[in-house]
Amino acid sequence: MDNLNSVINVNVPTSIKEEATNLFNSLCLNMTTAINMFLVKSINEWGIPFEIKAPKPSMELLESIQEGENILSGKVDAKKYHNVKEMFAELDKEIEKDA
């Protein structure tokens, strides 16, 4: 390996650094070696060595978002509750009715 003569400073959340350190230690690696492995792999593949993409929302999620937007815009009148206890009481009644 080439002589190491460059320093890279990276800011990451402490919890991420701790989890990564624990992971790398369990693989008998230190942070420097793991980062060097990532960089070499990136160079060899001439890109990020893993897929980066946004998760595709499910149809159910898209429909729920649309329903929420319709409620907020007033297109749909939604039942309102004063508190959670009232909401659960109403749900219990619906469950008993359906049973």
C-alpha atoms as a PDB file:
ATOM      1  CA  MET A   1       0.000   0.000   0.000  1.00  0.00           C
ATOM      2  CA  ASP A   2       1.182   3.554  -0.681  1.00  0.00           C
ATOM      3  CA  ASN A   3       2.561   5.659   2.123  1.00  0.00           C
ATOM      4  CA  LEU A   4      -0.270   7.372   3.908  1.00  0.00           C
ATOM      5  CA  ASN A   5       0.249  11.096   3.638  1.00  0.00           C
ATOM      6  CA  SER A   6      -3.214  12.646   3.376  1.00  0.00           C
ATOM      7  CA  VAL A   7      -5.741  13.326   6.069  1.00  0.00           C
ATOM      8  CA  ILE A   8      -9.497  13.432   5.549  1.00  0.00           C
ATOM      9  CA  ASN A   9     -11.656  15.015   8.241  1.00  0.00           C
ATOM     10  CA  VAL A  10     -15.279  13.904   8.175  1.00  0.00           C
ATOM     11  CA  ASN A  11     -18.070  15.052  10.470  1.00  0.00           C
ATOM     12  CA  VAL A  12     -20.539  12.325  11.372  1.00  0.00           C
ATOM     13  CA  PRO A  13     -23.048  11.974  14.200  1.00  0.00           C
ATOM     14  CA  THR A  14     -21.406  10.452  17.276  1.00  0.00           C
ATOM     15  CA  SER A  15     -23.878   7.567  17.334  1.00  0.00           C
ATOM     16  CA  ILE A  16     -23.012   6.657  13.723  1.00  0.00           C
ATOM     17  CA  LYS A  17     -19.281   6.755  14.493  1.00  0.00           C
ATOM     18  CA  GLU A  18     -19.768   4.544  17.563  1.00  0.00           C
ATOM     19  CA  GLU A  19     -21.889   1.984  15.692  1.00  0.00           C
ATOM     20  CA  ALA A  20     -19.464   1.915  12.770  1.00  0.00           C
ATOM     21  CA  THR A  21     -16.499   1.536  15.117  1.00  0.00           C
ATOM     22  CA  ASN A  22     -18.188  -1.393  16.864  1.00  0.00           C
ATOM     23  CA  LEU A  23     -19.007  -3.015  13.517  1.00  0.00           C
ATOM     24  CA  PHE A  24     -15.505  -2.575  12.144  1.00  0.00           C
ATOM     25  CA  ASN A  25     -13.944  -3.823  15.378  1.00  0.00           C
ATOM     26  CA  SER A  26     -16.077  -6.963  15.136  1.00  0.00           C
ATOM     27  CA  LEU A  27     -14.577  -7.452  11.661  1.00  0.00           C
ATOM     28  CA  CYS A  28     -11.050  -6.873  13.016  1.00  0.00           C
ATOM     29  CA  LEU A  29     -10.848  -3.545  11.187  1.00  0.00           C
ATOM     30  CA  ASN A  30     -10.292  -0.010  12.372  1.00  0.00           C
ATOM     31  CA  MET A  31     -12.015   3.085  10.990  1.00  0.00           C
ATOM     32  CA  THR A  32      -9.028   4.051   8.835  1.00  0.00           C
ATOM     33  CA  THR A  33      -8.818   0.631   7.190  1.00  0.00           C
ATOM     34  CA  ALA A  34     -12.575   0.498   6.607  1.00  0.00           C
ATOM     35  CA  ILE A  35     -12.625   3.952   5.010  1.00  0.00           C
ATOM     36  CA  ASN A  36      -9.615   3.071   2.850  1.00  0.00           C
ATOM     37  CA  MET A  37     -11.424  -0.100   1.742  1.00  0.00           C
ATOM     38  CA  PHE A  38     -14.468   1.978   0.776  1.00  0.00           C
ATOM     39  CA  LEU A  39     -12.340   4.436  -1.195  1.00  0.00           C
ATOM     40  CA  VAL A  40     -10.422   1.702  -3.055  1.00  0.00           C
ATOM     41  CA  LYS A  41     -13.641  -0.149  -3.867  1.00  0.00           C
ATOM     42  CA  SER A  42     -15.185   3.114  -5.134  1.00  0.00           C
ATOM     43  CA  ILE A  43     -12.182   3.697  -7.388  1.00  0.00           C
ATOM     44  CA  ASN A  44     -12.214   0.117  -8.678  1.00  0.00           C
ATOM     45  CA  GLU A  45     -15.918   0.333  -9.523  1.00  0.00           C
ATOM     46  CA  TRP A  46     -15.623   3.967 -10.616  1.00  0.00           C
ATOM     47  CA  GLY A  47     -18.639   4.849  -8.498  1.00  0.00           C
ATOM     48  CA  ILE A  48     -20.265   4.270  -5.151  1.00  0.00           C
ATOM     49  CA  PRO A  49     -19.946   0.533  -4.425  1.00  0.00           C
ATOM     50  CA  PHE A  50     -23.566   0.140  -3.394  1.00  0.00           C
ATOM     51  CA  GLU A  51     -26.928   1.202  -4.742  1.00  0.00           C
ATOM     52  CA  ILE A  52     -28.200   4.609  -3.673  1.00  0.00           C
ATOM     53  CA  LYS A  53     -31.860   5.263  -4.272  1.00  0.00           C
ATOM     54  CA  ALA A  54     -34.893   6.698  -2.617  1.00  0.00           C
ATOM     55  CA  PRO A  55     -37.366   4.121  -1.364  1.00  0.00           C
ATOM     56  CA  LYS A  56     -40.371   3.752  -3.627  1.00  0.00           C
ATOM     57  CA  PRO A  57     -43.540   4.535  -1.673  1.00  0.00           C
ATOM     58  CA  SER A  58     -46.225   1.855  -1.677  1.00  0.00           C
ATOM     59  CA  MET A  59     -49.582   2.469  -3.309  1.00  0.00           C
ATOM     60  CA  GLU A  60     -51.159   2.369   0.163  1.00  0.00           C
ATOM     61  CA  LEU A  61     -48.838   5.134   1.344  1.00  0.00           C
ATOM     62  CA  LEU A  62     -49.535   7.276  -1.726  1.00  0.00           C
ATOM     63  CA  GLU A  63     -53.290   6.833  -1.227  1.00  0.00           C
ATOM     64  CA  SER A  64     -52.962   7.736   2.460  1.00  0.00           C
ATOM     65  CA  ILE A  65     -50.999  10.867   1.608  1.00  0.00           C
ATOM     66  CA  GLN A  66     -53.637  11.865  -0.913  1.00  0.00           C
ATOM     67  CA  GLU A  67     -56.398  11.247   1.638  1.00  0.00           C
ATOM     68  CA  GLY A  68     -54.561  13.429   4.180  1.00  0.00           C
ATOM     69  CA  GLU A  69     -54.176  16.201   1.611  1.00  0.00           C
ATOM     70  CA  ASN A  70     -57.880  15.954   0.777  1.00  0.00           C
ATOM     71  CA  ILE A  71     -58.781  16.240   4.474  1.00  0.00           C
ATOM     72  CA  LEU A  72     -56.476  19.223   4.966  1.00  0.00           C
ATOM     73  CA  SER A  73     -57.840  21.005   1.898  1.00  0.00           C
ATOM     74  CA  GLY A  74     -61.452  20.411   2.966  1.00  0.00           C
ATOM     75  CA  LYS A  75     -62.326  18.160   0.019  1.00  0.00           C
ATOM     76  CA  VAL A  76     -63.133  15.373   2.485  1.00  0.00           C
ATOM     77  CA  ASP A  77     -64.878  15.848   5.809  1.00  0.00           C
ATOM     78  CA  ALA A  78     -63.109  13.783   8.445  1.00  0.00           C
ATOM     79  CA  LYS A  79     -64.388  12.734  11.860  1.00  0.00           C
ATOM     80  CA  LYS A  80     -62.789  14.781  14.630  1.00  0.00           C
ATOM     81  CA  TYR A  81     -62.127  13.769  18.222  1.00  0.00           C
ATOM     82  CA  HIS A  82     -61.346  15.856  21.274  1.00  0.00           C
ATOM     83  CA  ASN A  83     -58.922  13.299  22.688  1.00  0.00           C
ATOM     84  CA  VAL A  84     -57.503   9.823  22.156  1.00  0.00           C
ATOM     85  CA  LYS A  85     -59.879   8.224  24.646  1.00  0.00           C
ATOM     86  CA  GLU A  86     -62.846   9.445  22.611  1.00  0.00           C
ATOM     87  CA  MET A  87     -61.293   8.100  19.407  1.00  0.00           C
ATOM     88  CA  PHE A  88     -60.669   4.650  20.894  1.00  0.00           C
ATOM     89  CA  ALA A  89     -64.210   4.510  22.287  1.00  0.00           C
ATOM     90  CA  GLU A  90     -65.530   5.178  18.783  1.00  0.00           C
ATOM     91  CA  LEU A  91     -63.250   2.505  17.327  1.00  0.00           C
ATOM     92  CA  ASP A  92     -64.412  -0.010  19.965  1.00  0.00           C
ATOM     93  CA  LYS A  93     -68.032   0.699  18.983  1.00  0.00           C
ATOM     94  CA  GLU A  94     -67.216   0.064  15.315  1.00  0.00           C
ATOM     95  CA  ILE A  95     -65.456  -3.202  16.163  1.00  0.00           C
ATOM     96  CA  GLU A  96     -68.434  -4.386  18.257  1.00  0.00           C
ATOM     97  CA  LYS A  97     -70.805  -3.415  15.449  1.00  0.00           C
ATOM     98  CA  ASP A  98     -68.793  -5.392  12.879  1.00  0.00           C
ATOM     99  CA  ALA A  99     -68.451  -8.475  15.115  1.00  0.00           C
END
